């Protein structure tokens, strides 16, 4: 999965501008070092960051805690009131839907097979 750090920088810079903050203020409010804030904001050093760092920045900026993580991975960011999405929960939910759909398909196939069998014996 590709990561879009330029998009993260853009969101942070837009929000900092809206709030009228300096880099130092974002660093203090998020408890993230100013050097790391600078690297992310200026998109100068692209390296793996912990989700906790991005969540701290997002929360300080008044965004959903997982907003920047979603932007990084090209997903639609959750709205402020939405619950946190645990990746395990998301995968489990998707798997449950797939299993449910597979059961429906299996039942439909069994029904069709039965209809074909009956149809074959009634016209034969």
PDB file of N, CA and C in Angstrom:
ATOM      1  N   UNK A   1       0.854  -1.184   0.000  1.00  0.00           N
ATOM      2  CA  UNK A   1       0.000   0.000   0.000  1.00  0.00           C
ATOM      3  C   UNK A   1       0.897   1.245   0.000  1.00  0.00           C
ATOM      4  N   UNK A   2       0.651   2.152  -0.949  1.00  0.00           N
ATOM      5  CA  UNK A   2       1.503   3.332  -1.032  1.00  0.00           C
ATOM      6  C   UNK A   2       1.078   4.367   0.013  1.00  0.00           C
ATOM      7  N   UNK A   3       2.036   5.186   0.380  1.00  0.00           N
ATOM      8  CA  UNK A   3       1.780   6.219   1.381  1.00  0.00           C
ATOM      9  C   UNK A   3       1.947   7.580   0.724  1.00  0.00           C
ATOM     10  N   UNK A   4       1.014   8.482   0.974  1.00  0.00           N
ATOM     11  CA  UNK A   4       1.031   9.807   0.365  1.00  0.00           C
ATOM     12  C   UNK A   4       1.357  10.864   1.419  1.00  0.00           C
ATOM     13  N   UNK A   5       2.654  11.020   1.685  1.00  0.00           N
ATOM     14  CA  UNK A   5       3.102  11.984   2.692  1.00  0.00           C
ATOM     15  C   UNK A   5       2.868  13.418   2.236  1.00  0.00           C
ATOM     16  N   UNK A   6       2.867  13.648   0.916  1.00  0.00           N
ATOM     17  CA  UNK A   6       2.600  14.999   0.403  1.00  0.00           C
ATOM     18  C   UNK A   6       1.173  15.415   0.763  1.00  0.00           C
ATOM     19  N   UNK A   7       0.234  14.470   0.686  1.00  0.00           N
ATOM     20  CA  UNK A   7      -1.156  14.760   1.042  1.00  0.00           C
ATOM     21  C   UNK A   7      -1.283  15.061   2.533  1.00  0.00           C
ATOM     22  N   UNK A   8      -0.520  14.328   3.350  1.00  0.00           N
ATOM     23  CA  UNK A   8      -0.525  14.571   4.804  1.00  0.00           C
ATOM     24  C   UNK A   8      -0.001  15.979   5.089  1.00  0.00           C
ATOM     25  N   UNK A   9       1.102  16.344   4.436  1.00  0.00           N
ATOM     26  CA  UNK A   9       1.689  17.684   4.614  1.00  0.00           C
ATOM     27  C   UNK A   9       0.678  18.764   4.226  1.00  0.00           C
ATOM     28  N   UNK A  10      -0.033  18.526   3.120  1.00  0.00           N
ATOM     29  CA  UNK A  10      -1.010  19.504   2.635  1.00  0.00           C
ATOM     30  C   UNK A  10      -2.123  19.714   3.654  1.00  0.00           C
ATOM     31  N   UNK A  11      -2.658  18.616   4.202  1.00  0.00           N
ATOM     32  CA  UNK A  11      -3.735  18.715   5.203  1.00  0.00           C
ATOM     33  C   UNK A  11      -3.241  19.466   6.438  1.00  0.00           C
ATOM     34  N   UNK A  12      -2.057  19.104   6.917  1.00  0.00           N
ATOM     35  CA  UNK A  12      -1.508  19.761   8.112  1.00  0.00           C
ATOM     36  C   UNK A  12      -1.314  21.248   7.847  1.00  0.00           C
ATOM     37  N   UNK A  13      -0.704  21.584   6.707  1.00  0.00           N
ATOM     38  CA  UNK A  13      -0.431  22.985   6.396  1.00  0.00           C
ATOM     39  C   UNK A  13      -1.709  23.805   6.251  1.00  0.00           C
ATOM     40  N   UNK A  14      -2.735  23.225   5.616  1.00  0.00           N
ATOM     41  CA  UNK A  14      -4.016  23.933   5.480  1.00  0.00           C
ATOM     42  C   UNK A  14      -4.630  24.197   6.843  1.00  0.00           C
ATOM     43  N   UNK A  15      -4.603  23.175   7.700  1.00  0.00           N
ATOM     44  CA  UNK A  15      -5.231  23.299   9.022  1.00  0.00           C
ATOM     45  C   UNK A  15      -4.461  24.278   9.911  1.00  0.00           C
ATOM     46  N   UNK A  16      -3.138  24.218   9.866  1.00  0.00           N
ATOM     47  CA  UNK A  16      -2.308  25.148  10.653  1.00  0.00           C
ATOM     48  C   UNK A  16      -2.593  26.583  10.197  1.00  0.00           C
ATOM     49  N   UNK A  17      -2.720  26.770   8.897  1.00  0.00           N
ATOM     50  CA  UNK A  17      -3.028  28.098   8.352  1.00  0.00           C
ATOM     51  C   UNK A  17      -4.403  28.573   8.832  1.00  0.00           C
ATOM     52  N   UNK A  18      -5.406  27.668   8.775  1.00  0.00           N
ATOM     53  CA  UNK A  18      -6.763  28.008   9.233  1.00  0.00           C
ATOM     54  C   UNK A  18      -6.761  28.439  10.697  1.00  0.00           C
ATOM     55  N   UNK A  19      -5.957  27.743  11.496  1.00  0.00           N
ATOM     56  CA  UNK A  19      -5.913  28.016  12.934  1.00  0.00           C
ATOM     57  C   UNK A  19      -5.006  29.197  13.271  1.00  0.00           C
ATOM     58  N   UNK A  20      -4.196  29.613  12.302  1.00  0.00           N
ATOM     59  CA  UNK A  20      -3.271  30.723  12.528  1.00  0.00           C
ATOM     60  C   UNK A  20      -2.120  30.359  13.457  1.00  0.00           C
ATOM     61  N   UNK A  21      -1.716  29.094  13.435  1.00  0.00           N
ATOM     62  CA  UNK A  21      -0.651  28.619  14.309  1.00  0.00           C
ATOM     63  C   UNK A  21       0.698  28.669  13.622  1.00  0.00           C
ATOM     64  N   UNK A  22       1.729  28.652  14.444  1.00  0.00           N
ATOM     65  CA  UNK A  22       3.102  28.468  13.978  1.00  0.00           C
ATOM     66  C   UNK A  22       3.440  26.997  14.207  1.00  0.00           C
ATOM     67  N   UNK A  23       4.483  26.561  13.559  1.00  0.00           N
ATOM     68  CA  UNK A  23       4.941  25.175  13.696  1.00  0.00           C
ATOM     69  C   UNK A  23       5.186  24.819  15.164  1.00  0.00           C
ATOM     70  N   UNK A  24       5.782  25.749  15.889  1.00  0.00           N
ATOM     71  CA  UNK A  24       6.096  25.528  17.301  1.00  0.00           C
ATOM     72  C   UNK A  24       4.833  25.240  18.107  1.00  0.00           C
ATOM     73  N   UNK A  25       3.754  25.963  17.795  1.00  0.00           N
ATOM     74  CA  UNK A  25       2.504  25.770  18.532  1.00  0.00           C
ATOM     75  C   UNK A  25       1.923  24.379  18.269  1.00  0.00           C
ATOM     76  N   UNK A  26       1.976  23.928  17.016  1.00  0.00           N
ATOM     77  CA  UNK A  26       1.500  22.579  16.701  1.00  0.00           C
ATOM     78  C   UNK A  26       2.340  21.543  17.440  1.00  0.00           C
ATOM     79  N   UNK A  27       3.647  21.743  17.465  1.00  0.00           N
ATOM     80  CA  UNK A  27       4.542  20.809  18.160  1.00  0.00           C
ATOM     81  C   UNK A  27       4.192  20.739  19.645  1.00  0.00           C
ATOM     82  N   UNK A  28       3.993  21.900  20.270  1.00  0.00           N
ATOM     83  CA  UNK A  28       3.667  21.928  21.702  1.00  0.00           C
ATOM     84  C   UNK A  28       2.314  21.270  21.986  1.00  0.00           C
ATOM     85  N   UNK A  29       1.313  21.607  21.188  1.00  0.00           N
ATOM     86  CA  UNK A  29      -0.038  21.089  21.427  1.00  0.00           C
ATOM     87  C   UNK A  29      -0.138  19.585  21.164  1.00  0.00           C
ATOM     88  N   UNK A  30       0.670  19.092  20.225  1.00  0.00           N
ATOM     89  CA  UNK A  30       0.605  17.667  19.877  1.00  0.00           C
ATOM     90  C   UNK A  30       1.607  16.820  20.654  1.00  0.00           C
ATOM     91  N   UNK A  31       2.533  17.491  21.345  1.00  0.00           N
ATOM     92  CA  UNK A  31       3.616  16.785  22.055  1.00  0.00           C
ATOM     93  C   UNK A  31       4.495  16.001  21.072  1.00  0.00           C
ATOM     94  N   UNK A  32       4.627  16.522  19.859  1.00  0.00           N
ATOM     95  CA  UNK A  32       5.504  15.931  18.841  1.00  0.00           C
ATOM     96  C   UNK A  32       6.638  16.924  18.653  1.00  0.00           C
ATOM     97  N   UNK A  33       7.863  16.434  18.558  1.00  0.00           N
ATOM     98  CA  UNK A  33       9.003  17.345  18.461  1.00  0.00           C
ATOM     99  C   UNK A  33       8.871  18.258  17.247  1.00  0.00           C
ATOM    100  N   UNK A  34       9.379  19.476  17.399  1.00  0.00           N
ATOM    101  CA  UNK A  34       9.264  20.443  16.311  1.00  0.00           C
ATOM    102  C   UNK A  34      10.026  19.956  15.077  1.00  0.00           C
ATOM    103  N   UNK A  35      11.108  19.233  15.277  1.00  0.00           N
ATOM    104  CA  UNK A  35      11.876  18.705  14.139  1.00  0.00           C
ATOM    105  C   UNK A  35      11.017  17.741  13.308  1.00  0.00           C
ATOM    106  N   UNK A  36      10.269  16.878  13.989  1.00  0.00           N
ATOM    107  CA  UNK A  36       9.412  15.920  13.276  1.00  0.00           C
ATOM    108  C   UNK A  36       8.257  16.662  12.603  1.00  0.00           C
ATOM    109  N   UNK A  37       7.658  17.624  13.299  1.00  0.00           N
ATOM    110  CA  UNK A  37       6.580  18.415  12.709  1.00  0.00           C
ATOM    111  C   UNK A  37       7.099  19.102  11.442  1.00  0.00           C
ATOM    112  N   UNK A  38       8.305  19.678  11.520  1.00  0.00           N
ATOM    113  CA  UNK A  38       8.902  20.365  10.369  1.00  0.00           C
ATOM    114  C   UNK A  38       9.093  19.390   9.203  1.00  0.00           C
ATOM    115  N   UNK A  39       9.642  18.212   9.489  1.00  0.00           N
ATOM    116  CA  UNK A  39       9.883  17.212   8.439  1.00  0.00           C
ATOM    117  C   UNK A  39       8.574  16.811   7.750  1.00  0.00           C
ATOM    118  N   UNK A  40       7.520  16.589   8.552  1.00  0.00           N
ATOM    119  CA  UNK A  40       6.239  16.164   7.983  1.00  0.00           C
ATOM    120  C   UNK A  40       5.589  17.320   7.215  1.00  0.00           C
ATOM    121  N   UNK A  41       5.584  18.508   7.826  1.00  0.00           N
ATOM    122  CA  UNK A  41       4.959  19.677   7.187  1.00  0.00           C
ATOM    123  C   UNK A  41       5.638  20.067   5.892  1.00  0.00           C
ATOM    124  N   UNK A  42       6.951  20.025   5.877  1.00  0.00           N
ATOM    125  CA  UNK A  42       7.705  20.430   4.687  1.00  0.00           C
ATOM    126  C   UNK A  42       7.932  19.266   3.731  1.00  0.00           C
ATOM    127  N   UNK A  43       7.545  18.071   4.174  1.00  0.00           N
ATOM    128  CA  UNK A  43       7.696  16.862   3.357  1.00  0.00           C
ATOM    129  C   UNK A  43       9.145  16.705   2.902  1.00  0.00           C
ATOM    130  N   UNK A  44      10.070  16.961   3.863  1.00  0.00           N
ATOM    131  CA  UNK A  44      11.494  16.895   3.530  1.00  0.00           C
ATOM    132  C   UNK A  44      12.069  15.508   3.778  1.00  0.00           C
ATOM    133  N   UNK A  45      11.656  14.881   4.854  1.00  0.00           N
ATOM    134  CA  UNK A  45      12.161  13.546   5.163  1.00  0.00           C
ATOM    135  C   UNK A  45      10.976  12.601   5.192  1.00  0.00           C
ATOM    136  N   UNK A  46      10.960  11.652   4.265  1.00  0.00           N
ATOM    137  CA  UNK A  46       9.847  10.711   4.190  1.00  0.00           C
ATOM    138  C   UNK A  46      10.292   9.405   4.820  1.00  0.00           C
ATOM    139  N   UNK A  47       9.806   9.166   6.007  1.00  0.00           N
ATOM    140  CA  UNK A  47      10.144   7.905   6.685  1.00  0.00           C
ATOM    141  C   UNK A  47       8.925   7.413   7.426  1.00  0.00           C
ATOM    142  N   UNK A  48       8.998   6.177   7.812  1.00  0.00           N
ATOM    143  CA  UNK A  48       7.890   5.559   8.552  1.00  0.00           C
ATOM    144  C   UNK A  48       7.714   6.291   9.877  1.00  0.00           C
ATOM    145  N   UNK A  49       6.495   6.724  10.122  1.00  0.00           N
ATOM    146  CA  UNK A  49       6.151   7.378  11.393  1.00  0.00           C
ATOM    147  C   UNK A  49       5.131   6.498  12.088  1.00  0.00           C
ATOM    148  N   UNK A  50       5.122   6.561  13.390  1.00  0.00           N
ATOM    149  CA  UNK A  50       4.120   5.761  14.103  1.00  0.00           C
ATOM    150  C   UNK A  50       2.747   6.403  13.918  1.00  0.00           C
ATOM    151  N   UNK A  51       1.722   5.559  13.934  1.00  0.00           N
ATOM    152  CA  UNK A  51       0.360   6.091  13.826  1.00  0.00           C
ATOM    153  C   UNK A  51       0.075   7.022  14.992  1.00  0.00           C
ATOM    154  N   UNK A  52       0.719   6.750  16.126  1.00  0.00           N
ATOM    155  CA  UNK A  52       0.521   7.595  17.314  1.00  0.00           C
ATOM    156  C   UNK A  52       0.939   9.040  17.032  1.00  0.00           C
ATOM    157  N   UNK A  53       2.033   9.218  16.293  1.00  0.00           N
ATOM    158  CA  UNK A  53       2.498  10.563  15.946  1.00  0.00           C
ATOM    159  C   UNK A  53       1.454  11.277  15.101  1.00  0.00           C
ATOM    160  N   UNK A  54       0.957  10.590  14.069  1.00  0.00           N
ATOM    161  CA  UNK A  54      -0.046  11.201  13.203  1.00  0.00           C
ATOM    162  C   UNK A  54      -1.345  11.461  13.953  1.00  0.00           C
ATOM    163  N   UNK A  55      -1.709  10.560  14.864  1.00  0.00           N
ATOM    164  CA  UNK A  55      -2.923  10.746  15.656  1.00  0.00           C
ATOM    165  C   UNK A  55      -2.786  11.940  16.598  1.00  0.00           C
ATOM    166  N   UNK A  56      -1.602  12.116  17.174  1.00  0.00           N
ATOM    167  CA  UNK A  56      -1.370  13.255  18.071  1.00  0.00           C
ATOM    168  C   UNK A  56      -1.485  14.565  17.296  1.00  0.00           C
ATOM    169  N   UNK A  57      -0.917  14.591  16.084  1.00  0.00           N
ATOM    170  CA  UNK A  57      -1.005  15.792  15.247  1.00  0.00           C
ATOM    171  C   UNK A  57      -2.456  16.064  14.847  1.00  0.00           C
ATOM    172  N   UNK A  58      -3.166  15.029  14.413  1.00  0.00           N
ATOM    173  CA  UNK A  58      -4.560  15.191  13.991  1.00  0.00           C
ATOM    174  C   UNK A  58      -5.420  15.712  15.144  1.00  0.00           C
ATOM    175  N   UNK A  59      -5.262  15.125  16.316  1.00  0.00           N
ATOM    176  CA  UNK A  59      -6.054  15.551  17.485  1.00  0.00           C
ATOM    177  C   UNK A  59      -5.754  16.999  17.848  1.00  0.00           C
ATOM    178  N   UNK A  60      -4.479  17.363  17.828  1.00  0.00           N
ATOM    179  CA  UNK A  60      -4.096  18.738  18.148  1.00  0.00           C
ATOM    180  C   UNK A  60      -4.711  19.719  17.150  1.00  0.00           C
ATOM    181  N   UNK A  61      -4.859  19.276  15.902  1.00  0.00           N
ATOM    182  CA  UNK A  61      -5.423  20.133  14.855  1.00  0.00           C
ATOM    183  C   UNK A  61      -6.956  20.141  14.857  1.00  0.00           C
ATOM    184  N   UNK A  62      -7.550  19.394  15.787  1.00  0.00           N
ATOM    185  CA  UNK A  62      -9.005  19.360  15.886  1.00  0.00           C
ATOM    186  C   UNK A  62      -9.651  18.445  14.860  1.00  0.00           C
ATOM    187  N   UNK A  63      -8.872  17.488  14.353  1.00  0.00           N
ATOM    188  CA  UNK A  63      -9.386  16.520  13.383  1.00  0.00           C
ATOM    189  C   UNK A  63      -9.649  15.196  14.087  1.00  0.00           C
ATOM    190  N   UNK A  64     -10.350  14.286  13.421  1.00  0.00           N
ATOM    191  CA  UNK A  64     -10.524  12.933  13.955  1.00  0.00           C
ATOM    192  C   UNK A  64      -9.125  12.351  14.162  1.00  0.00           C
ATOM    193  N   UNK A  65      -8.891  11.622  15.245  1.00  0.00           N
ATOM    194  CA  UNK A  65      -7.546  11.080  15.498  1.00  0.00           C
ATOM    195  C   UNK A  65      -6.961  10.285  14.317  1.00  0.00           C
ATOM    196  N   UNK A  66      -7.802   9.642  13.538  1.00  0.00           N
ATOM    197  CA  UNK A  66      -7.283   8.824  12.438  1.00  0.00           C
ATOM    198  C   UNK A  66      -7.342   9.533  11.079  1.00  0.00           C
ATOM    199  N   UNK A  67      -7.609  10.833  11.098  1.00  0.00           N
ATOM    200  CA  UNK A  67      -7.727  11.610   9.858  1.00  0.00           C
ATOM    201  C   UNK A  67      -6.447  11.534   9.019  1.00  0.00           C
ATOM    202  N   UNK A  68      -5.305  11.830   9.631  1.00  0.00           N
ATOM    203  CA  UNK A  68      -4.048  11.861   8.874  1.00  0.00           C
ATOM    204  C   UNK A  68      -3.611  10.470   8.441  1.00  0.00           C
ATOM    205  N   UNK A  69      -3.901   9.459   9.251  1.00  0.00           N
ATOM    206  CA  UNK A  69      -3.567   8.075   8.880  1.00  0.00           C
ATOM    207  C   UNK A  69      -4.373   7.690   7.635  1.00  0.00           C
ATOM    208  N   UNK A  70      -5.656   8.080   7.610  1.00  0.00           N
ATOM    209  CA  UNK A  70      -6.503   7.790   6.446  1.00  0.00           C
ATOM    210  C   UNK A  70      -5.969   8.501   5.204  1.00  0.00           C
ATOM    211  N   UNK A  71      -5.614   9.780   5.347  1.00  0.00           N
ATOM    212  CA  UNK A  71      -5.073  10.552   4.221  1.00  0.00           C
ATOM    213  C   UNK A  71      -3.784   9.895   3.715  1.00  0.00           C
ATOM    214  N   UNK A  72      -2.940   9.485   4.625  1.00  0.00           N
ATOM    215  CA  UNK A  72      -1.669   8.849   4.266  1.00  0.00           C
ATOM    216  C   UNK A  72      -1.883   7.633   3.372  1.00  0.00           C
ATOM    217  N   UNK A  73      -2.919   6.867   3.673  1.00  0.00           N
ATOM    218  CA  UNK A  73      -3.177   5.625   2.945  1.00  0.00           C
ATOM    219  C   UNK A  73      -4.221   5.781   1.838  1.00  0.00           C
ATOM    220  N   UNK A  74      -4.573   7.047   1.524  1.00  0.00           N
ATOM    221  CA  UNK A  74      -5.491   7.295   0.414  1.00  0.00           C
ATOM    222  C   UNK A  74      -6.932   6.928   0.689  1.00  0.00           C
ATOM    223  N   UNK A  75      -7.301   6.895   1.967  1.00  0.00           N
ATOM    224  CA  UNK A  75      -8.686   6.583   2.333  1.00  0.00           C
ATOM    225  C   UNK A  75      -9.426   7.874   2.677  1.00  0.00           C
ATOM    226  N   UNK A  76     -10.742   7.814   2.649  1.00  0.00           N
ATOM    227  CA  UNK A  76     -11.547   8.970   3.051  1.00  0.00           C
ATOM    228  C   UNK A  76     -11.443   9.096   4.566  1.00  0.00           C
ATOM    229  N   UNK A  77     -11.034  10.260   5.053  1.00  0.00           N
ATOM    230  CA  UNK A  77     -10.886  10.427   6.509  1.00  0.00           C
ATOM    231  C   UNK A  77     -12.224  10.349   7.229  1.00  0.00           C
ATOM    232  N   UNK A  78     -12.226   9.761   8.421  1.00  0.00           N
ATOM    233  CA  UNK A  78     -13.475   9.701   9.200  1.00  0.00           C
ATOM    234  C   UNK A  78     -13.848  11.088   9.710  1.00  0.00           C
ATOM    235  N   UNK A  79     -15.142  11.304   9.875  1.00  0.00           N
ATOM    236  CA  UNK A  79     -15.618  12.569  10.428  1.00  0.00           C
ATOM    237  C   UNK A  79     -15.328  12.632  11.918  1.00  0.00           C
ATOM    238  N   UNK A  80     -15.384  13.831  12.457  1.00  0.00           N
ATOM    239  CA  UNK A  80     -15.010  14.035  13.863  1.00  0.00           C
ATOM    240  C   UNK A  80     -15.746  13.142  14.845  1.00  0.00           C
ATOM    241  N   UNK A  81     -17.036  12.937  14.689  1.00  0.00           N
ATOM    242  CA  UNK A  81     -17.778  12.150  15.675  1.00  0.00           C
ATOM    243  C   UNK A  81     -17.693  10.650  15.490  1.00  0.00           C
ATOM    244  N   UNK A  82     -17.094  10.207  14.387  1.00  0.00           N
ATOM    245  CA  UNK A  82     -17.077   8.777  14.093  1.00  0.00           C
ATOM    246  C   UNK A  82     -16.136   8.011  15.020  1.00  0.00           C
ATOM    247  N   UNK A  83     -16.486   6.753  15.300  1.00  0.00           N
ATOM    248  CA  UNK A  83     -15.613   5.945  16.161  1.00  0.00           C
ATOM    249  C   UNK A  83     -14.301   5.614  15.454  1.00  0.00           C
ATOM    250  N   UNK A  84     -13.308   5.261  16.247  1.00  0.00           N
ATOM    251  CA  UNK A  84     -12.019   4.844  15.697  1.00  0.00           C
ATOM    252  C   UNK A  84     -12.222   3.533  14.960  1.00  0.00           C
ATOM    253  N   UNK A  85     -11.484   3.372  13.886  1.00  0.00           N
ATOM    254  CA  UNK A  85     -11.560   2.112  13.155  1.00  0.00           C
ATOM    255  C   UNK A  85     -10.295   1.316  13.435  1.00  0.00           C
ATOM    256  N   UNK A  86     -10.499   0.203  14.060  1.00  0.00           N
ATOM    257  CA  UNK A  86      -9.401  -0.716  14.317  1.00  0.00           C
ATOM    258  C   UNK A  86      -9.283  -1.586  13.073  1.00  0.00           C
ATOM    259  N   UNK A  87      -8.079  -1.712  12.519  1.00  0.00           N
ATOM    260  CA  UNK A  87      -7.899  -2.476  11.286  1.00  0.00           C
ATOM    261  C   UNK A  87      -8.400  -3.905  11.443  1.00  0.00           C
ATOM    262  N   UNK A  88      -8.178  -4.501  12.596  1.00  0.00           N
ATOM    263  CA  UNK A  88      -8.662  -5.867  12.831  1.00  0.00           C
ATOM    264  C   UNK A  88     -10.177  -5.918  12.750  1.00  0.00           C
ATOM    265  N   UNK A  89     -10.842  -4.919  13.342  1.00  0.00           N
ATOM    266  CA  UNK A  89     -12.297  -4.847  13.290  1.00  0.00           C
ATOM    267  C   UNK A  89     -12.778  -4.693  11.853  1.00  0.00           C
ATOM    268  N   UNK A  90     -12.099  -3.856  11.090  1.00  0.00           N
ATOM    269  CA  UNK A  90     -12.487  -3.620   9.697  1.00  0.00           C
ATOM    270  C   UNK A  90     -12.353  -4.899   8.882  1.00  0.00           C
ATOM    271  N   UNK A  91     -11.274  -5.622   9.079  1.00  0.00           N
ATOM    272  CA  UNK A  91     -11.063  -6.879   8.347  1.00  0.00           C
ATOM    273  C   UNK A  91     -12.102  -7.911   8.782  1.00  0.00           C
ATOM    274  N   UNK A  92     -12.357  -7.993  10.066  1.00  0.00           N
ATOM    275  CA  UNK A  92     -13.362  -8.942  10.573  1.00  0.00           C
ATOM    276  C   UNK A  92     -14.743  -8.627  10.013  1.00  0.00           C
ATOM    277  N   UNK A  93     -15.087  -7.343   9.949  1.00  0.00           N
ATOM    278  CA  UNK A  93     -16.390  -6.944   9.426  1.00  0.00           C
ATOM    279  C   UNK A  93     -16.505  -7.313   7.943  1.00  0.00           C
ATOM    280  N   UNK A  94     -15.452  -7.068   7.190  1.00  0.00           N
ATOM    281  CA  UNK A  94     -15.460  -7.420   5.767  1.00  0.00           C
ATOM    282  C   UNK A  94     -15.573  -8.924   5.580  1.00  0.00           C
ATOM    283  N   UNK A  95     -14.839  -9.663   6.389  1.00  0.00           N
ATOM    284  CA  UNK A  95     -14.877 -11.123   6.301  1.00  0.00           C
ATOM    285  C   UNK A  95     -16.276 -11.646   6.624  1.00  0.00           C
ATOM    286  N   UNK A  96     -16.912 -11.075   7.623  1.00  0.00           N
ATOM    287  CA  UNK A  96     -18.267 -11.486   7.988  1.00  0.00           C
ATOM    288  C   UNK A  96     -19.242 -11.240   6.832  1.00  0.00           C
ATOM    289  N   UNK A  97     -19.092 -10.096   6.156  1.00  0.00           N
ATOM    290  CA  UNK A  97     -19.950  -9.809   5.005  1.00  0.00           C
ATOM    291  C   UNK A  97     -19.715 -10.801   3.877  1.00  0.00           C
ATOM    292  N   UNK A  98     -18.457 -11.130   3.638  1.00  0.00           N
ATOM    293  CA  UNK A  98     -18.126 -12.101   2.590  1.00  0.00           C
ATOM    294  C   UNK A  98     -18.720 -13.465   2.930  1.00  0.00           C
ATOM    295  N   UNK A  99     -18.595 -13.879   4.181  1.00  0.00           N
ATOM    296  CA  UNK A  99     -19.152 -15.170   4.599  1.00  0.00           C
ATOM    297  C   UNK A  99     -20.676 -15.184   4.459  1.00  0.00           C
ATOM    298  N   UNK A 100     -21.312 -14.084   4.821  1.00  0.00           N
ATOM    299  CA  UNK A 100     -22.769 -13.974   4.713  1.00  0.00           C
ATOM    300  C   UNK A 100     -23.190 -14.079   3.247  1.00  0.00           C
ATOM    301  N   UNK A 101     -22.477 -13.364   2.375  1.00  0.00           N
ATOM    302  CA  UNK A 101     -22.804 -13.394   0.949  1.00  0.00           C
ATOM    303  C   UNK A 101     -22.557 -14.789   0.361  1.00  0.00           C
ATOM    304  N   UNK A 102     -21.493 -15.431   0.789  1.00  0.00           N
ATOM    305  CA  UNK A 102     -21.190 -16.780   0.308  1.00  0.00           C
ATOM    306  C   UNK A 102     -22.298 -17.752   0.713  1.00  0.00           C
ATOM    307  N   UNK A 103     -22.817 -17.606   1.925  1.00  0.00           N
ATOM    308  CA  UNK A 103     -23.929 -18.451   2.371  1.00  0.00           C
ATOM    309  C   UNK A 103     -25.160 -18.234   1.501  1.00  0.00           C
ATOM    310  N   UNK A 104     -25.450 -16.966   1.177  1.00  0.00           N
ATOM    311  CA  UNK A 104     -26.599 -16.664   0.310  1.00  0.00           C
ATOM    312  C   UNK A 104     -26.418 -17.315  -1.059  1.00  0.00           C
ATOM    313  N   UNK A 105     -25.227 -17.173  -1.620  1.00  0.00           N
ATOM    314  CA  UNK A 105     -24.942 -17.747  -2.938  1.00  0.00           C
ATOM    315  C   UNK A 105     -25.066 -19.269  -2.896  1.00  0.00           C
ATOM    316  N   UNK A 106     -24.574 -19.881  -1.833  1.00  0.00           N
ATOM    317  CA  UNK A 106     -24.646 -21.336  -1.689  1.00  0.00           C
ATOM    318  C   UNK A 106     -26.102 -21.800  -1.637  1.00  0.00           C
ATOM    319  N   UNK A 107     -26.936 -21.067  -0.873  1.00  0.00           N
ATOM    320  CA  UNK A 107     -28.374 -21.404  -0.797  1.00  0.00           C
ATOM    321  C   UNK A 107     -29.044 -21.249  -2.153  1.00  0.00           C
ATOM    322  N   UNK A 108     -28.729 -20.158  -2.847  1.00  0.00           N
ATOM    323  CA  UNK A 108     -29.331 -19.935  -4.172  1.00  0.00           C
ATOM    324  C   UNK A 108     -28.924 -21.036  -5.148  1.00  0.00           C
ATOM    325  N   UNK A 109     -27.678 -21.430  -5.078  1.00  0.00           N
ATOM    326  CA  UNK A 109     -27.178 -22.488  -5.957  1.00  0.00           C
ATOM    327  C   UNK A 109     -27.888 -23.816  -5.653  1.00  0.00           C
ATOM    328  N   UNK A 110     -28.062 -24.110  -4.365  1.00  0.00           N
ATOM    329  CA  UNK A 110     -28.774 -25.333  -3.967  1.00  0.00           C
ATOM    330  C   UNK A 110     -30.218 -25.291  -4.466  1.00  0.00           C
ATOM    331  N   UNK A 111     -30.873 -24.120  -4.346  1.00  0.00           N
ATOM    332  CA  UNK A 111     -32.250 -23.970  -4.823  1.00  0.00           C
ATOM    333  C   UNK A 111     -32.320 -24.172  -6.336  1.00  0.00           C
ATOM    334  N   UNK A 112     -31.394 -23.588  -7.058  1.00  0.00           N
ATOM    335  CA  UNK A 112     -31.359 -23.737  -8.520  1.00  0.00           C
ATOM    336  C   UNK A 112     -31.122 -25.191  -8.919  1.00  0.00           C
ATOM    337  N   UNK A 113     -30.212 -25.839  -8.231  1.00  0.00           N
ATOM    338  CA  UNK A 113     -29.913 -27.247  -8.511  1.00  0.00           C
ATOM    339  C   UNK A 113     -31.157 -28.097  -8.296  1.00  0.00           C
ATOM    340  N   UNK A 114     -31.866 -27.826  -7.212  1.00  0.00           N
ATOM    341  CA  UNK A 114     -33.100 -28.558  -6.910  1.00  0.00           C
ATOM    342  C   UNK A 114     -34.149 -28.298  -7.988  1.00  0.00           C
ATOM    343  N   UNK A 115     -34.312 -27.039  -8.398  1.00  0.00           N
ATOM    344  CA  UNK A 115     -35.276 -26.706  -9.456  1.00  0.00           C
ATOM    345  C   UNK A 115     -34.936 -27.422 -10.757  1.00  0.00           C
ATOM    346  N   UNK A 116     -33.675 -27.410 -11.114  1.00  0.00           N
ATOM    347  CA  UNK A 116     -33.239 -28.077 -12.349  1.00  0.00           C
ATOM    348  C   UNK A 116     -33.475 -29.587 -12.264  1.00  0.00           C
ATOM    349  N   UNK A 117     -33.202 -30.156 -11.095  1.00  0.00           N
ATOM    350  CA  UNK A 117     -33.407 -31.589 -10.913  1.00  0.00           C
ATOM    351  C   UNK A 117     -34.890 -31.939 -11.071  1.00  0.00           C
ATOM    352  N   UNK A 118     -35.757 -31.140 -10.401  1.00  0.00           N
ATOM    353  CA  UNK A 118     -37.202 -31.383 -10.487  1.00  0.00           C
ATOM    354  C   UNK A 118     -37.710 -31.168 -11.909  1.00  0.00           C
ATOM    355  N   UNK A 119     -37.228 -30.106 -12.543  1.00  0.00           N
ATOM    356  CA  UNK A 119     -37.636 -29.788 -13.889  1.00  0.00           C
ATOM    357  C   UNK A 119     -37.224 -30.899 -14.868  1.00  0.00           C
ATOM    358  N   UNK A 120     -36.054 -31.450 -14.646  1.00  0.00           N
ATOM    359  CA  UNK A 120     -35.552 -32.525 -15.489  1.00  0.00           C
ATOM    360  C   UNK A 120     -36.376 -33.793 -15.350  1.00  0.00           C
ATOM    361  N   UNK A 121     -36.878 -34.082 -14.141  1.00  0.00           N
ATOM    362  CA  UNK A 121     -37.665 -35.307 -13.919  1.00  0.00           C
ATOM    363  C   UNK A 121     -39.103 -35.145 -14.346  1.00  0.00           C
ATOM    364  N   UNK A 122     -39.665 -33.897 -14.303  1.00  0.00           N
ATOM    365  CA  UNK A 122     -41.066 -33.718 -14.661  1.00  0.00           C
ATOM    366  C   UNK A 122     -41.291 -33.706 -16.165  1.00  0.00           C
ATOM    367  N   UNK A 123     -40.263 -33.332 -16.925  1.00  0.00           N
ATOM    368  CA  UNK A 123     -40.419 -33.287 -18.378  1.00  0.00           C
ATOM    369  C   UNK A 123     -39.834 -34.532 -19.057  1.00  0.00           C
ATOM    370  N   UNK A 124     -39.256 -35.397 -18.310  1.00  0.00           N
ATOM    371  CA  UNK A 124     -38.576 -36.528 -18.899  1.00  0.00           C
ATOM    372  C   UNK A 124     -39.445 -37.666 -19.036  1.00  0.00           C
TER     373      UNK A 124
END
